[in-house]
mmCIF file of all heavy atoms, coordinates in Angstrom:
data_MODEL
# 
_entry.id   MODEL 
# 
loop_
_atom_site.group_PDB 
_atom_site.id 
_atom_site.type_symbol 
_atom_site.label_atom_id 
_atom_site.label_alt_id 
_atom_site.label_comp_id 
_atom_site.label_asym_id 
_atom_site.label_entity_id 
_atom_site.label_seq_id 
_atom_site.pdbx_PDB_ins_code 
_atom_site.Cartn_x 
_atom_site.Cartn_y 
_atom_site.Cartn_z 
_atom_site.occupancy 
_atom_site.B_iso_or_equiv 
_atom_site.pdbx_formal_charge 
_atom_site.auth_seq_id 
_atom_site.auth_comp_id 
_atom_site.auth_asym_id 
_atom_site.auth_atom_id 
_atom_site.pdbx_PDB_model_num 
ATOM 1   N N   . LEU A 1 1  ? 97.609  182.574 163.117 1.00 0.00 ? 1  LEU A N   1 
ATOM 2   C CA  . LEU A 1 1  ? 96.928  181.292 162.900 1.00 0.00 ? 1  LEU A CA  1 
ATOM 3   C C   . LEU A 1 1  ? 95.744  181.150 163.840 1.00 0.00 ? 1  LEU A C   1 
ATOM 4   O O   . LEU A 1 1  ? 94.637  180.801 163.416 1.00 0.00 ? 1  LEU A O   1 
ATOM 5   C CB  . LEU A 1 1  ? 97.888  180.120 163.094 1.00 0.00 ? 1  LEU A CB  1 
ATOM 6   C CG  . LEU A 1 1  ? 97.248  178.725 163.108 1.00 0.00 ? 1  LEU A CG  1 
ATOM 7   C CD1 . LEU A 1 1  ? 96.543  178.416 161.787 1.00 0.00 ? 1  LEU A CD1 1 
ATOM 8   C CD2 . LEU A 1 1  ? 98.287  177.662 163.441 1.00 0.00 ? 1  LEU A CD2 1 
ATOM 9   N N   . LEU A 1 2  ? 95.942  181.423 165.111 1.00 0.00 ? 2  LEU A N   1 
ATOM 10  C CA  . LEU A 1 2  ? 94.853  181.299 166.083 1.00 0.00 ? 2  LEU A CA  1 
ATOM 11  C C   . LEU A 1 2  ? 93.713  182.264 165.762 1.00 0.00 ? 2  LEU A C   1 
ATOM 12  O O   . LEU A 1 2  ? 92.541  181.906 165.880 1.00 0.00 ? 2  LEU A O   1 
ATOM 13  C CB  . LEU A 1 2  ? 95.384  181.515 167.501 1.00 0.00 ? 2  LEU A CB  1 
ATOM 14  C CG  . LEU A 1 2  ? 96.380  180.462 167.990 1.00 0.00 ? 2  LEU A CG  1 
ATOM 15  C CD1 . LEU A 1 2  ? 96.955  180.862 169.334 1.00 0.00 ? 2  LEU A CD1 1 
ATOM 16  C CD2 . LEU A 1 2  ? 95.749  179.081 168.038 1.00 0.00 ? 2  LEU A CD2 1 
ATOM 17  N N   . GLU A 1 3  ? 94.054  183.463 165.329 1.00 0.00 ? 3  GLU A N   1 
ATOM 18  C CA  . GLU A 1 3  ? 93.027  184.430 164.941 1.00 0.00 ? 3  GLU A CA  1 
ATOM 19  C C   . GLU A 1 3  ? 92.267  183.940 163.708 1.00 0.00 ? 3  GLU A C   1 
ATOM 20  O O   . GLU A 1 3  ? 91.044  184.035 163.650 1.00 0.00 ? 3  GLU A O   1 
ATOM 21  C CB  . GLU A 1 3  ? 93.682  185.780 164.650 1.00 0.00 ? 3  GLU A CB  1 
ATOM 22  C CG  . GLU A 1 3  ? 92.709  186.862 164.260 1.00 0.00 ? 3  GLU A CG  1 
ATOM 23  C CD  . GLU A 1 3  ? 93.400  188.191 164.017 1.00 0.00 ? 3  GLU A CD  1 
ATOM 24  O OE1 . GLU A 1 3  ? 94.429  188.230 163.315 1.00 0.00 ? 3  GLU A OE1 1 
ATOM 25  O OE2 . GLU A 1 3  ? 92.880  189.194 164.532 1.00 0.00 ? 3  GLU A OE2 1 
ATOM 26  N N   . TRP A 1 4  ? 92.979  183.399 162.729 1.00 0.00 ? 4  TRP A N   1 
ATOM 27  C CA  . TRP A 1 4  ? 92.360  182.878 161.512 1.00 0.00 ? 4  TRP A CA  1 
ATOM 28  C C   . TRP A 1 4  ? 91.405  181.738 161.850 1.00 0.00 ? 4  TRP A C   1 
ATOM 29  O O   . TRP A 1 4  ? 90.294  181.675 161.323 1.00 0.00 ? 4  TRP A O   1 
ATOM 30  C CB  . TRP A 1 4  ? 93.457  182.425 160.544 1.00 0.00 ? 4  TRP A CB  1 
ATOM 31  C CG  . TRP A 1 4  ? 92.985  181.903 159.245 1.00 0.00 ? 4  TRP A CG  1 
ATOM 32  C CD1 . TRP A 1 4  ? 92.631  182.625 158.139 1.00 0.00 ? 4  TRP A CD1 1 
ATOM 33  C CD2 . TRP A 1 4  ? 92.822  180.521 158.886 1.00 0.00 ? 4  TRP A CD2 1 
ATOM 34  N NE1 . TRP A 1 4  ? 92.266  181.780 157.111 1.00 0.00 ? 4  TRP A NE1 1 
ATOM 35  C CE2 . TRP A 1 4  ? 92.374  180.480 157.544 1.00 0.00 ? 4  TRP A CE2 1 
ATOM 36  C CE3 . TRP A 1 4  ? 93.026  179.319 159.548 1.00 0.00 ? 4  TRP A CE3 1 
ATOM 37  C CZ2 . TRP A 1 4  ? 92.129  179.285 156.880 1.00 0.00 ? 4  TRP A CZ2 1 
ATOM 38  C CZ3 . TRP A 1 4  ? 92.770  178.134 158.882 1.00 0.00 ? 4  TRP A CZ3 1 
ATOM 39  C CH2 . TRP A 1 4  ? 92.321  178.120 157.564 1.00 0.00 ? 4  TRP A CH2 1 
ATOM 40  N N   . LEU A 1 5  ? 91.838  180.849 162.737 1.00 0.00 ? 5  LEU A N   1 
ATOM 41  C CA  . LEU A 1 5  ? 90.964  179.747 163.155 1.00 0.00 ? 5  LEU A CA  1 
ATOM 42  C C   . LEU A 1 5  ? 89.716  180.293 163.845 1.00 0.00 ? 5  LEU A C   1 
ATOM 43  O O   . LEU A 1 5  ? 88.597  179.872 163.554 1.00 0.00 ? 5  LEU A O   1 
ATOM 44  C CB  . LEU A 1 5  ? 91.708  178.789 164.083 1.00 0.00 ? 5  LEU A CB  1 
ATOM 45  C CG  . LEU A 1 5  ? 92.785  177.929 163.428 1.00 0.00 ? 5  LEU A CG  1 
ATOM 46  C CD1 . LEU A 1 5  ? 93.591  177.197 164.504 1.00 0.00 ? 5  LEU A CD1 1 
ATOM 47  C CD2 . LEU A 1 5  ? 92.182  176.943 162.441 1.00 0.00 ? 5  LEU A CD2 1 
ATOM 48  N N   . HIS A 1 6  ? 89.902  181.241 164.745 1.00 0.00 ? 6  HIS A N   1 
ATOM 49  C CA  . HIS A 1 6  ? 88.778  181.842 165.470 1.00 0.00 ? 6  HIS A CA  1 
ATOM 50  C C   . HIS A 1 6  ? 87.800  182.503 164.507 1.00 0.00 ? 6  HIS A C   1 
ATOM 51  O O   . HIS A 1 6  ? 86.584  182.323 164.612 1.00 0.00 ? 6  HIS A O   1 
ATOM 52  C CB  . HIS A 1 6  ? 89.305  182.863 166.483 1.00 0.00 ? 6  HIS A CB  1 
ATOM 53  C CG  . HIS A 1 6  ? 88.222  183.532 167.259 1.00 0.00 ? 6  HIS A CG  1 
ATOM 54  N ND1 . HIS A 1 6  ? 87.640  184.723 166.846 1.00 0.00 ? 6  HIS A ND1 1 
ATOM 55  C CD2 . HIS A 1 6  ? 87.599  183.177 168.398 1.00 0.00 ? 6  HIS A CD2 1 
ATOM 56  C CE1 . HIS A 1 6  ? 86.719  185.070 167.718 1.00 0.00 ? 6  HIS A CE1 1 
ATOM 57  N NE2 . HIS A 1 6  ? 86.668  184.154 168.668 1.00 0.00 ? 6  HIS A NE2 1 
ATOM 58  N N   . ASP A 1 7  ? 88.344  183.263 163.556 1.00 0.00 ? 7  ASP A N   1 
ATOM 59  C CA  . ASP A 1 7  ? 87.489  183.935 162.571 1.00 0.00 ? 7  ASP A CA  1 
ATOM 60  C C   . ASP A 1 7  ? 86.713  182.929 161.726 1.00 0.00 ? 7  ASP A C   1 
ATOM 61  O O   . ASP A 1 7  ? 85.625  183.234 161.235 1.00 0.00 ? 7  ASP A O   1 
ATOM 62  C CB  . ASP A 1 7  ? 88.316  184.849 161.665 1.00 0.00 ? 7  ASP A CB  1 
ATOM 63  C CG  . ASP A 1 7  ? 88.847  186.074 162.394 1.00 0.00 ? 7  ASP A CG  1 
ATOM 64  O OD1 . ASP A 1 7  ? 88.417  186.345 163.533 1.00 0.00 ? 7  ASP A OD1 1 
ATOM 65  O OD2 . ASP A 1 7  ? 89.723  186.755 161.815 1.00 0.00 ? 7  ASP A OD2 1 
ATOM 66  N N   . GLY A 1 8  ? 87.266  181.732 161.563 1.00 0.00 ? 8  GLY A N   1 
ATOM 67  C CA  . GLY A 1 8  ? 86.600  180.681 160.806 1.00 0.00 ? 8  GLY A CA  1 
ATOM 68  C C   . GLY A 1 8  ? 85.683  179.819 161.654 1.00 0.00 ? 8  GLY A C   1 
ATOM 69  O O   . GLY A 1 8  ? 85.128  178.824 161.181 1.00 0.00 ? 8  GLY A O   1 
ATOM 70  N N   . GLY A 1 9  ? 85.547  180.187 162.925 1.00 0.00 ? 9  GLY A N   1 
ATOM 71  C CA  . GLY A 1 9  ? 84.626  179.475 163.803 1.00 0.00 ? 9  GLY A CA  1 
ATOM 72  C C   . GLY A 1 9  ? 85.157  178.160 164.349 1.00 0.00 ? 9  GLY A C   1 
ATOM 73  O O   . GLY A 1 9  ? 84.366  177.284 164.702 1.00 0.00 ? 9  GLY A O   1 
ATOM 74  N N   . THR A 1 10 ? 86.464  178.021 164.428 1.00 0.00 ? 10 THR A N   1 
ATOM 75  C CA  . THR A 1 10 ? 87.023  176.783 164.979 1.00 0.00 ? 10 THR A CA  1 
ATOM 76  C C   . THR A 1 10 ? 88.100  177.101 166.014 1.00 0.00 ? 10 THR A C   1 
ATOM 77  O O   . THR A 1 10 ? 88.486  178.252 166.191 1.00 0.00 ? 10 THR A O   1 
ATOM 78  C CB  . THR A 1 10 ? 87.573  175.870 163.858 1.00 0.00 ? 10 THR A CB  1 
ATOM 79  O OG1 . THR A 1 10 ? 87.823  174.570 164.389 1.00 0.00 ? 10 THR A OG1 1 
ATOM 80  C CG2 . THR A 1 10 ? 88.846  176.416 163.243 1.00 0.00 ? 10 THR A CG2 1 
ATOM 81  N N   . THR A 1 11 ? 88.534  176.079 166.682 1.00 0.00 ? 11 THR A N   1 
ATOM 82  C CA  . THR A 1 11 ? 89.578  176.212 167.690 1.00 0.00 ? 11 THR A CA  1 
ATOM 83  C C   . THR A 1 11 ? 90.778  175.379 167.269 1.00 0.00 ? 11 THR A C   1 
ATOM 84  O O   . THR A 1 11 ? 90.691  174.536 166.381 1.00 0.00 ? 11 THR A O   1 
ATOM 85  C CB  . THR A 1 11 ? 89.093  175.702 169.051 1.00 0.00 ? 11 THR A CB  1 
ATOM 86  O OG1 . THR A 1 11 ? 88.821  174.294 168.937 1.00 0.00 ? 11 THR A OG1 1 
ATOM 87  C CG2 . THR A 1 11 ? 87.858  176.446 169.525 1.00 0.00 ? 11 THR A CG2 1 
ATOM 88  N N   . LEU A 1 12 ? 91.863  175.587 167.945 1.00 0.00 ? 12 LEU A N   1 
ATOM 89  C CA  . LEU A 1 12 ? 93.054  174.783 167.680 1.00 0.00 ? 12 LEU A CA  1 
ATOM 90  C C   . LEU A 1 12 ? 92.766  173.310 167.934 1.00 0.00 ? 12 LEU A C   1 
ATOM 91  O O   . LEU A 1 12 ? 93.182  172.442 167.167 1.00 0.00 ? 12 LEU A O   1 
ATOM 92  C CB  . LEU A 1 12 ? 94.216  175.265 168.545 1.00 0.00 ? 12 LEU A CB  1 
ATOM 93  C CG  . LEU A 1 12 ? 95.547  174.563 168.333 1.00 0.00 ? 12 LEU A CG  1 
ATOM 94  C CD1 . LEU A 1 12 ? 96.043  174.758 166.910 1.00 0.00 ? 12 LEU A CD1 1 
ATOM 95  C CD2 . LEU A 1 12 ? 96.567  175.075 169.327 1.00 0.00 ? 12 LEU A CD2 1 
ATOM 96  N N   . ALA A 1 13 ? 92.029  173.028 168.984 1.00 0.00 ? 13 ALA A N   1 
ATOM 97  C CA  . ALA A 1 13 ? 91.717  171.637 169.330 1.00 0.00 ? 13 ALA A CA  1 
ATOM 98  C C   . ALA A 1 13 ? 90.866  170.951 168.266 1.00 0.00 ? 13 ALA A C   1 
ATOM 99  O O   . ALA A 1 13 ? 90.953  169.740 168.085 1.00 0.00 ? 13 ALA A O   1 
ATOM 100 C CB  . ALA A 1 13 ? 91.011  171.583 170.683 1.00 0.00 ? 13 ALA A CB  1 
ATOM 101 N N   . ALA A 1 14 ? 90.080  171.724 167.534 1.00 0.00 ? 14 ALA A N   1 
ATOM 102 C CA  . ALA A 1 14 ? 89.166  171.143 166.549 1.00 0.00 ? 14 ALA A CA  1 
ATOM 103 C C   . ALA A 1 14 ? 89.659  171.257 165.108 1.00 0.00 ? 14 ALA A C   1 
ATOM 104 O O   . ALA A 1 14 ? 89.085  170.643 164.214 1.00 0.00 ? 14 ALA A O   1 
ATOM 105 C CB  . ALA A 1 14 ? 87.798  171.811 166.666 1.00 0.00 ? 14 ALA A CB  1 
ATOM 106 N N   . CYS A 1 15 ? 90.707  172.017 164.874 1.00 0.00 ? 15 CYS A N   1 
ATOM 107 C CA  . CYS A 1 15 ? 91.125  172.233 163.487 1.00 0.00 ? 15 CYS A CA  1 
ATOM 108 C C   . CYS A 1 15 ? 91.731  170.966 162.883 1.00 0.00 ? 15 CYS A C   1 
ATOM 109 O O   . CYS A 1 15 ? 92.226  170.094 163.583 1.00 0.00 ? 15 CYS A O   1 
ATOM 110 C CB  . CYS A 1 15 ? 92.084  173.413 163.375 1.00 0.00 ? 15 CYS A CB  1 
ATOM 111 S SG  . CYS A 1 15 ? 93.794  173.078 163.753 1.00 0.00 ? 15 CYS A SG  1 
ATOM 112 N N   . THR A 1 16 ? 91.673  170.915 161.582 1.00 0.00 ? 16 THR A N   1 
ATOM 113 C CA  . THR A 1 16 ? 92.171  169.755 160.847 1.00 0.00 ? 16 THR A CA  1 
ATOM 114 C C   . THR A 1 16 ? 93.487  170.086 160.153 1.00 0.00 ? 16 THR A C   1 
ATOM 115 O O   . THR A 1 16 ? 93.847  171.264 159.997 1.00 0.00 ? 16 THR A O   1 
ATOM 116 C CB  . THR A 1 16 ? 91.155  169.319 159.776 1.00 0.00 ? 16 THR A CB  1 
ATOM 117 O OG1 . THR A 1 16 ? 91.044  170.376 158.813 1.00 0.00 ? 16 THR A OG1 1 
ATOM 118 C CG2 . THR A 1 16 ? 89.799  169.003 160.382 1.00 0.00 ? 16 THR A CG2 1 
ATOM 119 N N   . GLN A 1 17 ? 94.157  169.059 159.698 1.00 0.00 ? 17 GLN A N   1 
ATOM 120 C CA  . GLN A 1 17 ? 95.386  169.259 158.930 1.00 0.00 ? 17 GLN A CA  1 
ATOM 121 C C   . GLN A 1 17 ? 95.087  170.051 157.659 1.00 0.00 ? 17 GLN A C   1 
ATOM 122 O O   . GLN A 1 17 ? 95.881  170.889 157.243 1.00 0.00 ? 17 GLN A O   1 
ATOM 123 C CB  . GLN A 1 17 ? 96.025  167.917 158.580 1.00 0.00 ? 17 GLN A CB  1 
ATOM 124 C CG  . GLN A 1 17 ? 97.345  168.060 157.829 1.00 0.00 ? 17 GLN A CG  1 
ATOM 125 C CD  . GLN A 1 17 ? 98.419  168.714 158.668 1.00 0.00 ? 17 GLN A CD  1 
ATOM 126 O OE1 . GLN A 1 17 ? 98.662  168.293 159.794 1.00 0.00 ? 17 GLN A OE1 1 
ATOM 127 N NE2 . GLN A 1 17 ? 99.061  169.747 158.126 1.00 0.00 ? 17 GLN A NE2 1 
ATOM 128 N N   . GLU A 1 18 ? 93.932  169.802 157.073 1.00 0.00 ? 18 GLU A N   1 
ATOM 129 C CA  . GLU A 1 18 ? 93.546  170.515 155.861 1.00 0.00 ? 18 GLU A CA  1 
ATOM 130 C C   . GLU A 1 18 ? 93.424  172.020 156.119 1.00 0.00 ? 18 GLU A C   1 
ATOM 131 O O   . GLU A 1 18 ? 93.806  172.836 155.279 1.00 0.00 ? 18 GLU A O   1 
ATOM 132 C CB  . GLU A 1 18 ? 92.230  169.965 155.291 1.00 0.00 ? 18 GLU A CB  1 
ATOM 133 C CG  . GLU A 1 18 ? 92.350  168.574 154.707 1.00 0.00 ? 18 GLU A CG  1 
ATOM 134 C CD  . GLU A 1 18 ? 92.348  167.462 155.772 1.00 0.00 ? 18 GLU A CD  1 
ATOM 135 O OE1 . GLU A 1 18 ? 91.916  167.702 156.921 1.00 0.00 ? 18 GLU A OE1 1 
ATOM 136 O OE2 . GLU A 1 18 ? 92.797  166.358 155.442 1.00 0.00 ? 18 GLU A OE2 1 
ATOM 137 N N   . GLN A 1 19 ? 92.890  172.387 157.270 1.00 0.00 ? 19 GLN A N   1 
ATOM 138 C CA  . GLN A 1 19 ? 92.787  173.806 157.613 1.00 0.00 ? 19 GLN A CA  1 
ATOM 139 C C   . GLN A 1 19 ? 94.168  174.424 157.791 1.00 0.00 ? 19 GLN A C   1 
ATOM 140 O O   . GLN A 1 19 ? 94.421  175.527 157.312 1.00 0.00 ? 19 GLN A O   1 
ATOM 141 C CB  . GLN A 1 19 ? 91.954  173.989 158.879 1.00 0.00 ? 19 GLN A CB  1 
ATOM 142 C CG  . GLN A 1 19 ? 90.483  173.737 158.668 1.00 0.00 ? 19 GLN A CG  1 
ATOM 143 C CD  . GLN A 1 19 ? 89.724  173.717 159.973 1.00 0.00 ? 19 GLN A CD  1 
ATOM 144 O OE1 . GLN A 1 19 ? 90.034  172.926 160.863 1.00 0.00 ? 19 GLN A OE1 1 
ATOM 145 N NE2 . GLN A 1 19 ? 88.731  174.581 160.085 1.00 0.00 ? 19 GLN A NE2 1 
ATOM 146 N N   . VAL A 1 20 ? 95.044  173.719 158.480 1.00 0.00 ? 20 VAL A N   1 
ATOM 147 C CA  . VAL A 1 20 ? 96.411  174.225 158.670 1.00 0.00 ? 20 VAL A CA  1 
ATOM 148 C C   . VAL A 1 20 ? 97.097  174.365 157.309 1.00 0.00 ? 20 VAL A C   1 
ATOM 149 O O   . VAL A 1 20 ? 97.734  175.382 157.034 1.00 0.00 ? 20 VAL A O   1 
ATOM 150 C CB  . VAL A 1 20 ? 97.227  173.311 159.614 1.00 0.00 ? 20 VAL A CB  1 
ATOM 151 C CG1 . VAL A 1 20 ? 98.692  173.741 159.659 1.00 0.00 ? 20 VAL A CG1 1 
ATOM 152 C CG2 . VAL A 1 20 ? 96.622  173.314 161.011 1.00 0.00 ? 20 VAL A CG2 1 
ATOM 153 N N   . ASP A 1 21 ? 96.954  173.358 156.459 1.00 0.00 ? 21 ASP A N   1 
ATOM 154 C CA  . ASP A 1 21 ? 97.549  173.420 155.125 1.00 0.00 ? 21 ASP A CA  1 
ATOM 155 C C   . ASP A 1 21 ? 97.017  174.605 154.334 1.00 0.00 ? 21 ASP A C   1 
ATOM 156 O O   . ASP A 1 21 ? 97.776  175.297 153.640 1.00 0.00 ? 21 ASP A O   1 
ATOM 157 C CB  . ASP A 1 21 ? 97.300  172.118 154.356 1.00 0.00 ? 21 ASP A CB  1 
ATOM 158 C CG  . ASP A 1 21 ? 98.080  170.942 154.912 1.00 0.00 ? 21 ASP A CG  1 
ATOM 159 O OD1 . ASP A 1 21 ? 99.045  171.149 155.684 1.00 0.00 ? 21 ASP A OD1 1 
ATOM 160 O OD2 . ASP A 1 21 ? 97.717  169.798 154.576 1.00 0.00 ? 21 ASP A OD2 1 
ATOM 161 N N   . ALA A 1 22 ? 95.707  174.857 154.421 1.00 0.00 ? 22 ALA A N   1 
ATOM 162 C CA  . ALA A 1 22 ? 95.112  175.990 153.711 1.00 0.00 ? 22 ALA A CA  1 
ATOM 163 C C   . ALA A 1 22 ? 95.704  177.299 154.211 1.00 0.00 ? 22 ALA A C   1 
ATOM 164 O O   . ALA A 1 22 ? 96.069  178.178 153.417 1.00 0.00 ? 22 ALA A O   1 
ATOM 165 C CB  . ALA A 1 22 ? 93.592  175.992 153.881 1.00 0.00 ? 22 ALA A CB  1 
ATOM 166 N N   . TRP A 1 23 ? 95.817  177.454 155.521 1.00 0.00 ? 23 TRP A N   1 
ATOM 167 C CA  . TRP A 1 23 ? 96.384  178.677 156.092 1.00 0.00 ? 23 TRP A CA  1 
ATOM 168 C C   . TRP A 1 23 ? 97.832  178.861 155.642 1.00 0.00 ? 23 TRP A C   1 
ATOM 169 O O   . TRP A 1 23 ? 98.242  179.966 155.278 1.00 0.00 ? 23 TRP A O   1 
ATOM 170 C CB  . TRP A 1 23 ? 96.280  178.641 157.621 1.00 0.00 ? 23 TRP A CB  1 
ATOM 171 C CG  . TRP A 1 23 ? 96.800  179.887 158.263 1.00 0.00 ? 23 TRP A CG  1 
ATOM 172 C CD1 . TRP A 1 23 ? 96.149  181.081 158.360 1.00 0.00 ? 23 TRP A CD1 1 
ATOM 173 C CD2 . TRP A 1 23 ? 98.072  180.066 158.872 1.00 0.00 ? 23 TRP A CD2 1 
ATOM 174 N NE1 . TRP A 1 23 ? 96.947  181.992 159.007 1.00 0.00 ? 23 TRP A NE1 1 
ATOM 175 C CE2 . TRP A 1 23 ? 98.132  181.393 159.341 1.00 0.00 ? 23 TRP A CE2 1 
ATOM 176 C CE3 . TRP A 1 23 ? 99.164  179.234 159.090 1.00 0.00 ? 23 TRP A CE3 1 
ATOM 177 C CZ2 . TRP A 1 23 ? 99.240  181.912 159.999 1.00 0.00 ? 23 TRP A CZ2 1 
ATOM 178 C CZ3 . TRP A 1 23 ? 100.270 179.743 159.751 1.00 0.00 ? 23 TRP A CZ3 1 
ATOM 179 C CH2 . TRP A 1 23 ? 100.308 181.067 160.193 1.00 0.00 ? 23 TRP A CH2 1 
ATOM 180 N N   . LEU A 1 24 ? 98.583  177.777 155.638 1.00 0.00 ? 24 LEU A N   1 
ATOM 181 C CA  . LEU A 1 24 ? 99.986  177.868 155.231 1.00 0.00 ? 24 LEU A CA  1 
ATOM 182 C C   . LEU A 1 24 ? 100.130 178.288 153.778 1.00 0.00 ? 24 LEU A C   1 
ATOM 183 O O   . LEU A 1 24 ? 101.002 179.093 153.442 1.00 0.00 ? 24 LEU A O   1 
ATOM 184 C CB  . LEU A 1 24 ? 100.697 176.528 155.452 1.00 0.00 ? 24 LEU A CB  1 
ATOM 185 C CG  . LEU A 1 24 ? 100.971 176.148 156.902 1.00 0.00 ? 24 LEU A CG  1 
ATOM 186 C CD1 . LEU A 1 24 ? 101.439 174.701 156.991 1.00 0.00 ? 24 LEU A CD1 1 
ATOM 187 C CD2 . LEU A 1 24 ? 101.988 177.087 157.542 1.00 0.00 ? 24 LEU A CD2 1 
ATOM 188 N N   . THR A 1 25 ? 99.276  177.771 152.906 1.00 0.00 ? 25 THR A N   1 
ATOM 189 C CA  . THR A 1 25 ? 99.414  178.066 151.482 1.00 0.00 ? 25 THR A CA  1 
ATOM 190 C C   . THR A 1 25 ? 98.835  179.418 151.084 1.00 0.00 ? 25 THR A C   1 
ATOM 191 O O   . THR A 1 25 ? 99.177  179.927 150.025 1.00 0.00 ? 25 THR A O   1 
ATOM 192 C CB  . THR A 1 25 ? 98.761  176.967 150.611 1.00 0.00 ? 25 THR A CB  1 
ATOM 193 O OG1 . THR A 1 25 ? 97.376  176.868 150.931 1.00 0.00 ? 25 THR A OG1 1 
ATOM 194 C CG2 . THR A 1 25 ? 99.441  175.634 150.815 1.00 0.00 ? 25 THR A CG2 1 
ATOM 195 N N   . GLU A 1 26 ? 97.998  179.998 151.940 1.00 0.00 ? 26 GLU A N   1 
ATOM 196 C CA  . GLU A 1 26 ? 97.369  181.284 151.618 1.00 0.00 ? 26 GLU A CA  1 
ATOM 197 C C   . GLU A 1 26 ? 98.240  182.489 151.963 1.00 0.00 ? 26 GLU A C   1 
ATOM 198 O O   . GLU A 1 26 ? 97.826  183.620 151.752 1.00 0.00 ? 26 GLU A O   1 
ATOM 199 C CB  . GLU A 1 26 ? 96.037  181.422 152.355 1.00 0.00 ? 26 GLU A CB  1 
ATOM 200 C CG  . GLU A 1 26 ? 94.967  180.486 151.856 1.00 0.00 ? 26 GLU A CG  1 
ATOM 201 C CD  . GLU A 1 26 ? 93.712  180.525 152.712 1.00 0.00 ? 26 GLU A CD  1 
ATOM 202 O OE1 . GLU A 1 26 ? 93.641  181.325 153.678 1.00 0.00 ? 26 GLU A OE1 1 
ATOM 203 O OE2 . GLU A 1 26 ? 92.796  179.746 152.423 1.00 0.00 ? 26 GLU A OE2 1 
# 
């Protein structure tokens, strides 16, 4: 998850619920 966020140009502190949901469903 942290790697996916990093690759998408965001951090854990800045990520949204929508991003987490997208990662979970993918």
